[in-house]
Amino acid sequence: MENRLISAVVNFLVRAVIGMALIFFINQFVLPNENTLNVGLNAVSFLTTGSLGIPGVCLLYGILFYQTL
């Protein structure tokens, strides 16, 4: 039981860190400067990417894209 909990926490943290790094990379190098589609690096994006992984990153950018329509 304890081993599964530690595994789940480590999995969450790895997904969250990779997701936040991906958001930072996209904001800095992929999107042009002064773009309205920059996802913020905050607790909500940390929890979203930690629970969903890379699809969570896509979800965050999709929500911002939808808001600009």
PDB file of N, CA and C in Angstrom:
ATOM      1  N   MET A   1       0.829  -1.192   0.000  1.00  0.00           N
ATOM      2  CA  MET A   1       0.000   0.000   0.000  1.00  0.00           C
ATOM      3  C   MET A   1       0.871   1.253   0.000  1.00  0.00           C
ATOM      4  N   GLU A   2       1.854   1.280   0.882  1.00  0.00           N
ATOM      5  CA  GLU A   2       2.725   2.450   0.979  1.00  0.00           C
ATOM      6  C   GLU A   2       3.557   2.616  -0.293  1.00  0.00           C
ATOM      7  N   ASN A   3       3.973   1.500  -0.883  1.00  0.00           N
ATOM      8  CA  ASN A   3       4.777   1.541  -2.086  1.00  0.00           C
ATOM      9  C   ASN A   3       3.978   2.124  -3.251  1.00  0.00           C
ATOM     10  N   ARG A   4       2.685   1.800  -3.345  1.00  0.00           N
ATOM     11  CA  ARG A   4       1.836   2.338  -4.407  1.00  0.00           C
ATOM     12  C   ARG A   4       1.626   3.832  -4.233  1.00  0.00           C
ATOM     13  N   LEU A   5       1.511   4.299  -2.999  1.00  0.00           N
ATOM     14  CA  LEU A   5       1.329   5.722  -2.741  1.00  0.00           C
ATOM     15  C   LEU A   5       2.575   6.506  -3.135  1.00  0.00           C
ATOM     16  N   ILE A   6       3.733   5.997  -2.776  1.00  0.00           N
ATOM     17  CA  ILE A   6       4.981   6.668  -3.144  1.00  0.00           C
ATOM     18  C   ILE A   6       5.140   6.687  -4.658  1.00  0.00           C
ATOM     19  N   SER A   7       4.796   5.602  -5.311  1.00  0.00           N
ATOM     20  CA  SER A   7       4.875   5.533  -6.762  1.00  0.00           C
ATOM     21  C   SER A   7       3.934   6.547  -7.423  1.00  0.00           C
ATOM     22  N   ALA A   8       2.731   6.690  -6.894  1.00  0.00           N
ATOM     23  CA  ALA A   8       1.770   7.650  -7.448  1.00  0.00           C
ATOM     24  C   ALA A   8       2.248   9.083  -7.259  1.00  0.00           C
ATOM     25  N   VAL A   9       2.815   9.397  -6.110  1.00  0.00           N
ATOM     26  CA  VAL A   9       3.311  10.754  -5.849  1.00  0.00           C
ATOM     27  C   VAL A   9       4.491  11.069  -6.754  1.00  0.00           C
ATOM     28  N   VAL A  10       5.402  10.129  -6.905  1.00  0.00           N
ATOM     29  CA  VAL A  10       6.564  10.350  -7.784  1.00  0.00           C
ATOM     30  C   VAL A  10       6.109  10.499  -9.227  1.00  0.00           C
ATOM     31  N   ASN A  11       5.153   9.695  -9.654  1.00  0.00           N
ATOM     32  CA  ASN A  11       4.616   9.799 -11.006  1.00  0.00           C
ATOM     33  C   ASN A  11       3.974  11.161 -11.229  1.00  0.00           C
ATOM     34  N   PHE A  12       3.196  11.642 -10.275  1.00  0.00           N
ATOM     35  CA  PHE A  12       2.567  12.952 -10.369  1.00  0.00           C
ATOM     36  C   PHE A  12       3.615  14.052 -10.490  1.00  0.00           C
ATOM     37  N   LEU A  13       4.642  13.997  -9.642  1.00  0.00           N
ATOM     38  CA  LEU A  13       5.670  15.038  -9.659  1.00  0.00           C
ATOM     39  C   LEU A  13       6.474  15.029 -10.954  1.00  0.00           C
ATOM     40  N   VAL A  14       6.768  13.870 -11.475  1.00  0.00           N
ATOM     41  CA  VAL A  14       7.510  13.789 -12.744  1.00  0.00           C
ATOM     42  C   VAL A  14       6.678  14.372 -13.874  1.00  0.00           C
ATOM     43  N   ARG A  15       5.396  14.014 -13.945  1.00  0.00           N
ATOM     44  CA  ARG A  15       4.528  14.573 -14.984  1.00  0.00           C
ATOM     45  C   ARG A  15       4.384  16.078 -14.839  1.00  0.00           C
ATOM     46  N   ALA A  16       4.270  16.567 -13.600  1.00  0.00           N
ATOM     47  CA  ALA A  16       4.111  17.999 -13.371  1.00  0.00           C
ATOM     48  C   ALA A  16       5.360  18.771 -13.779  1.00  0.00           C
ATOM     49  N   VAL A  17       6.524  18.265 -13.424  1.00  0.00           N
ATOM     50  CA  VAL A  17       7.772  18.964 -13.771  1.00  0.00           C
ATOM     51  C   VAL A  17       7.989  18.955 -15.279  1.00  0.00           C
ATOM     52  N   ILE A  18       7.751  17.828 -15.929  1.00  0.00           N
ATOM     53  CA  ILE A  18       7.899  17.772 -17.389  1.00  0.00           C
ATOM     54  C   ILE A  18       6.879  18.686 -18.064  1.00  0.00           C
ATOM     55  N   GLY A  19       5.649  18.709 -17.570  1.00  0.00           N
ATOM     56  CA  GLY A  19       4.627  19.591 -18.139  1.00  0.00           C
ATOM     57  C   GLY A  19       4.958  21.057 -17.970  1.00  0.00           C
ATOM     58  N   MET A  20       5.458  21.440 -16.800  1.00  0.00           N
ATOM     59  CA  MET A  20       5.827  22.839 -16.581  1.00  0.00           C
ATOM     60  C   MET A  20       7.020  23.223 -17.458  1.00  0.00           C
ATOM     61  N   ALA A  21       7.972  22.311 -17.631  1.00  0.00           N
ATOM     62  CA  ALA A  21       9.111  22.584 -18.514  1.00  0.00           C
ATOM     63  C   ALA A  21       8.640  22.730 -19.961  1.00  0.00           C
ATOM     64  N   LEU A  22       7.683  21.918 -20.359  1.00  0.00           N
ATOM     65  CA  LEU A  22       7.142  22.018 -21.712  1.00  0.00           C
ATOM     66  C   LEU A  22       6.402  23.338 -21.917  1.00  0.00           C
ATOM     67  N   ILE A  23       5.625  23.765 -20.933  1.00  0.00           N
ATOM     68  CA  ILE A  23       4.941  25.062 -21.022  1.00  0.00           C
ATOM     69  C   ILE A  23       5.956  26.191 -21.119  1.00  0.00           C
ATOM     70  N   PHE A  24       7.003  26.140 -20.307  1.00  0.00           N
ATOM     71  CA  PHE A  24       8.041  27.165 -20.351  1.00  0.00           C
ATOM     72  C   PHE A  24       8.715  27.188 -21.718  1.00  0.00           C
ATOM     73  N   PHE A  25       9.043  26.018 -22.260  1.00  0.00           N
ATOM     74  CA  PHE A  25       9.688  25.933 -23.561  1.00  0.00           C
ATOM     75  C   PHE A  25       8.787  26.506 -24.659  1.00  0.00           C
ATOM     76  N   ILE A  26       7.509  26.144 -24.641  1.00  0.00           N
ATOM     77  CA  ILE A  26       6.577  26.640 -25.663  1.00  0.00           C
ATOM     78  C   ILE A  26       6.417  28.158 -25.547  1.00  0.00           C
ATOM     79  N   ASN A  27       6.278  28.663 -24.325  1.00  0.00           N
ATOM     80  CA  ASN A  27       6.121  30.106 -24.135  1.00  0.00           C
ATOM     81  C   ASN A  27       7.354  30.881 -24.581  1.00  0.00           C
ATOM     82  N   GLN A  28       8.544  30.343 -24.352  1.00  0.00           N
ATOM     83  CA  GLN A  28       9.778  31.081 -24.640  1.00  0.00           C
ATOM     84  C   GLN A  28      10.233  30.940 -26.081  1.00  0.00           C
ATOM     85  N   PHE A  29      10.136  29.745 -26.649  1.00  0.00           N
ATOM     86  CA  PHE A  29      10.804  29.495 -27.913  1.00  0.00           C
ATOM     87  C   PHE A  29       9.880  29.199 -29.091  1.00  0.00           C
ATOM     88  N   VAL A  30       8.678  28.721 -28.840  1.00  0.00           N
ATOM     89  CA  VAL A  30       7.793  28.347 -29.941  1.00  0.00           C
ATOM     90  C   VAL A  30       6.876  29.504 -30.323  1.00  0.00           C
ATOM     91  N   LEU A  31       6.253  30.124 -29.341  1.00  0.00           N
ATOM     92  CA  LEU A  31       5.332  31.226 -29.615  1.00  0.00           C
ATOM     93  C   LEU A  31       6.100  32.538 -29.734  1.00  0.00           C
ATOM     94  N   PRO A  32       5.651  33.426 -30.617  1.00  0.00           N
ATOM     95  CA  PRO A  32       6.331  34.725 -30.727  1.00  0.00           C
ATOM     96  C   PRO A  32       6.118  35.571 -29.470  1.00  0.00           C
ATOM     97  N   ASN A  33       6.948  36.575 -29.312  1.00  0.00           N
ATOM     98  CA  ASN A  33       6.841  37.463 -28.145  1.00  0.00           C
ATOM     99  C   ASN A  33       5.519  38.218 -28.145  1.00  0.00           C
ATOM    100  N   GLU A  34       5.079  38.592 -26.951  1.00  0.00           N
ATOM    101  CA  GLU A  34       3.839  39.366 -26.784  1.00  0.00           C
ATOM    102  C   GLU A  34       2.618  38.613 -27.321  1.00  0.00           C
ATOM    103  N   ASN A  35       2.620  37.305 -27.222  1.00  0.00           N
ATOM    104  CA  ASN A  35       1.508  36.500 -27.709  1.00  0.00           C
ATOM    105  C   ASN A  35       0.465  36.337 -26.606  1.00  0.00           C
ATOM    106  N   THR A  36      -0.806  36.278 -26.987  1.00  0.00           N
ATOM    107  CA  THR A  36      -1.874  36.115 -26.002  1.00  0.00           C
ATOM    108  C   THR A  36      -2.071  34.659 -25.610  1.00  0.00           C
ATOM    109  N   LEU A  37      -1.390  33.733 -26.268  1.00  0.00           N
ATOM    110  CA  LEU A  37      -1.555  32.314 -25.974  1.00  0.00           C
ATOM    111  C   LEU A  37      -0.473  31.782 -25.049  1.00  0.00           C
ATOM    112  N   ASN A  38       0.029  32.595 -24.154  1.00  0.00           N
ATOM    113  CA  ASN A  38       1.023  32.134 -23.184  1.00  0.00           C
ATOM    114  C   ASN A  38       0.308  31.603 -21.948  1.00  0.00           C
ATOM    115  N   VAL A  39       0.544  30.346 -21.645  1.00  0.00           N
ATOM    116  CA  VAL A  39      -0.021  29.726 -20.451  1.00  0.00           C
ATOM    117  C   VAL A  39       0.840  30.132 -19.267  1.00  0.00           C
ATOM    118  N   GLY A  40       0.211  30.527 -18.186  1.00  0.00           N
ATOM    119  CA  GLY A  40       0.948  30.925 -17.005  1.00  0.00           C
ATOM    120  C   GLY A  40       1.512  29.735 -16.251  1.00  0.00           C
ATOM    121  N   LEU A  41       2.623  29.964 -15.588  1.00  0.00           N
ATOM    122  CA  LEU A  41       3.230  28.939 -14.745  1.00  0.00           C
ATOM    123  C   LEU A  41       2.743  29.174 -13.324  1.00  0.00           C
ATOM    124  N   ASN A  42       1.674  28.495 -12.944  1.00  0.00           N
ATOM    125  CA  ASN A  42       1.081  28.691 -11.627  1.00  0.00           C
ATOM    126  C   ASN A  42       0.588  27.363 -11.068  1.00  0.00           C
ATOM    127  N   ALA A  43      -0.091  27.415  -9.960  1.00  0.00           N
ATOM    128  CA  ALA A  43      -0.533  26.197  -9.280  1.00  0.00           C
ATOM    129  C   ALA A  43      -1.563  25.424 -10.103  1.00  0.00           C
ATOM    130  N   VAL A  44      -2.429  26.122 -10.807  1.00  0.00           N
ATOM    131  CA  VAL A  44      -3.451  25.435 -11.597  1.00  0.00           C
ATOM    132  C   VAL A  44      -2.809  24.662 -12.742  1.00  0.00           C
ATOM    133  N   SER A  45      -1.857  25.278 -13.428  1.00  0.00           N
ATOM    134  CA  SER A  45      -1.188  24.568 -14.513  1.00  0.00           C
ATOM    135  C   SER A  45      -0.326  23.430 -13.964  1.00  0.00           C
ATOM    136  N   PHE A  46       0.250  23.589 -12.771  1.00  0.00           N
ATOM    137  CA  PHE A  46       1.026  22.525 -12.140  1.00  0.00           C
ATOM    138  C   PHE A  46       0.137  21.325 -11.836  1.00  0.00           C
ATOM    139  N   LEU A  47      -1.035  21.579 -11.262  1.00  0.00           N
ATOM    140  CA  LEU A  47      -1.954  20.483 -10.935  1.00  0.00           C
ATOM    141  C   LEU A  47      -2.524  19.830 -12.194  1.00  0.00           C
ATOM    142  N   THR A  48      -2.806  20.627 -13.216  1.00  0.00           N
ATOM    143  CA  THR A  48      -3.349  20.075 -14.456  1.00  0.00           C
ATOM    144  C   THR A  48      -2.336  19.188 -15.148  1.00  0.00           C
ATOM    145  N   THR A  49      -1.103  19.676 -15.273  1.00  0.00           N
ATOM    146  CA  THR A  49      -0.094  18.864 -15.943  1.00  0.00           C
ATOM    147  C   THR A  49       0.324  17.674 -15.084  1.00  0.00           C
ATOM    148  N   GLY A  50       0.266  17.822 -13.772  1.00  0.00           N
ATOM    149  CA  GLY A  50       0.607  16.699 -12.906  1.00  0.00           C
ATOM    150  C   GLY A  50      -0.415  15.585 -12.966  1.00  0.00           C
ATOM    151  N   SER A  51      -1.673  15.945 -13.103  1.00  0.00           N
ATOM    152  CA  SER A  51      -2.708  14.912 -13.128  1.00  0.00           C
ATOM    153  C   SER A  51      -2.941  14.360 -14.528  1.00  0.00           C
ATOM    154  N   LEU A  52      -2.767  15.181 -15.574  1.00  0.00           N
ATOM    155  CA  LEU A  52      -3.052  14.727 -16.938  1.00  0.00           C
ATOM    156  C   LEU A  52      -1.815  14.501 -17.799  1.00  0.00           C
ATOM    157  N   GLY A  53      -0.694  15.097 -17.442  1.00  0.00           N
ATOM    158  CA  GLY A  53       0.521  14.943 -18.238  1.00  0.00           C
ATOM    159  C   GLY A  53       0.516  15.861 -19.450  1.00  0.00           C
ATOM    160  N   ILE A  54       1.078  15.380 -20.551  1.00  0.00           N
ATOM    161  CA  ILE A  54       1.168  16.187 -21.773  1.00  0.00           C
ATOM    162  C   ILE A  54      -0.215  16.524 -22.333  1.00  0.00           C
ATOM    163  N   PRO A  55      -1.215  15.645 -22.271  1.00  0.00           N
ATOM    164  CA  PRO A  55      -2.554  16.073 -22.683  1.00  0.00           C
ATOM    165  C   PRO A  55      -3.080  17.259 -21.856  1.00  0.00           C
ATOM    166  N   GLY A  56      -2.636  17.383 -20.617  1.00  0.00           N
ATOM    167  CA  GLY A  56      -3.008  18.538 -19.807  1.00  0.00           C
ATOM    168  C   GLY A  56      -2.417  19.831 -20.354  1.00  0.00           C
ATOM    169  N   VAL A  57      -1.197  19.752 -20.861  1.00  0.00           N
ATOM    170  CA  VAL A  57      -0.575  20.920 -21.497  1.00  0.00           C
ATOM    171  C   VAL A  57      -1.379  21.306 -22.730  1.00  0.00           C
ATOM    172  N   CYS A  58      -1.747  20.318 -23.524  1.00  0.00           N
ATOM    173  CA  CYS A  58      -2.573  20.594 -24.709  1.00  0.00           C
ATOM    174  C   CYS A  58      -3.922  21.185 -24.308  1.00  0.00           C
ATOM    175  N   LEU A  59      -4.490  20.690 -23.223  1.00  0.00           N
ATOM    176  CA  LEU A  59      -5.760  21.208 -22.731  1.00  0.00           C
ATOM    177  C   LEU A  59      -5.643  22.680 -22.342  1.00  0.00           C
ATOM    178  N   LEU A  60      -4.579  23.042 -21.646  1.00  0.00           N
ATOM    179  CA  LEU A  60      -4.394  24.432 -21.233  1.00  0.00           C
ATOM    180  C   LEU A  60      -4.259  25.358 -22.438  1.00  0.00           C
ATOM    181  N   TYR A  61      -3.482  24.958 -23.433  1.00  0.00           N
ATOM    182  CA  TYR A  61      -3.353  25.770 -24.639  1.00  0.00           C
ATOM    183  C   TYR A  61      -4.652  25.785 -25.429  1.00  0.00           C
ATOM    184  N   GLY A  62      -5.392  24.686 -25.430  1.00  0.00           N
ATOM    185  CA  GLY A  62      -6.685  24.651 -26.112  1.00  0.00           C
ATOM    186  C   GLY A  62      -7.694  25.586 -25.479  1.00  0.00           C
ATOM    187  N   ILE A  63      -7.696  25.660 -24.154  1.00  0.00           N
ATOM    188  CA  ILE A  63      -8.603  26.578 -23.453  1.00  0.00           C
ATOM    189  C   ILE A  63      -8.266  28.021 -23.809  1.00  0.00           C
ATOM    190  N   LEU A  64      -6.976  28.355 -23.825  1.00  0.00           N
ATOM    191  CA  LEU A  64      -6.592  29.717 -24.187  1.00  0.00           C
ATOM    192  C   LEU A  64      -6.934  30.032 -25.634  1.00  0.00           C
ATOM    193  N   PHE A  65      -6.738  29.060 -26.525  1.00  0.00           N
ATOM    194  CA  PHE A  65      -7.090  29.271 -27.930  1.00  0.00           C
ATOM    195  C   PHE A  65      -8.585  29.486 -28.084  1.00  0.00           C
ATOM    196  N   TYR A  66      -9.377  28.713 -27.357  1.00  0.00           N
ATOM    197  CA  TYR A  66     -10.826  28.859 -27.415  1.00  0.00           C
ATOM    198  C   TYR A  66     -11.283  30.218 -26.897  1.00  0.00           C
ATOM    199  N   GLN A  67     -10.610  30.723 -25.868  1.00  0.00           N
ATOM    200  CA  GLN A  67     -10.969  32.033 -25.312  1.00  0.00           C
ATOM    201  C   GLN A  67     -10.698  33.165 -26.283  1.00  0.00           C
ATOM    202  N   THR A  68      -9.715  32.995 -27.172  1.00  0.00           N
ATOM    203  CA  THR A  68      -9.394  34.070 -28.110  1.00  0.00           C
ATOM    204  C   THR A  68     -10.317  34.081 -29.325  1.00  0.00           C
ATOM    205  N   LEU A  69     -11.129  33.041 -29.515  1.00  0.00           N
ATOM    206  CA  LEU A  69     -12.044  33.025 -30.660  1.00  0.00           C
ATOM    207  C   LEU A  69     -13.178  33.985 -30.504  1.00  0.00           C
TER     208      LEU A  69
END
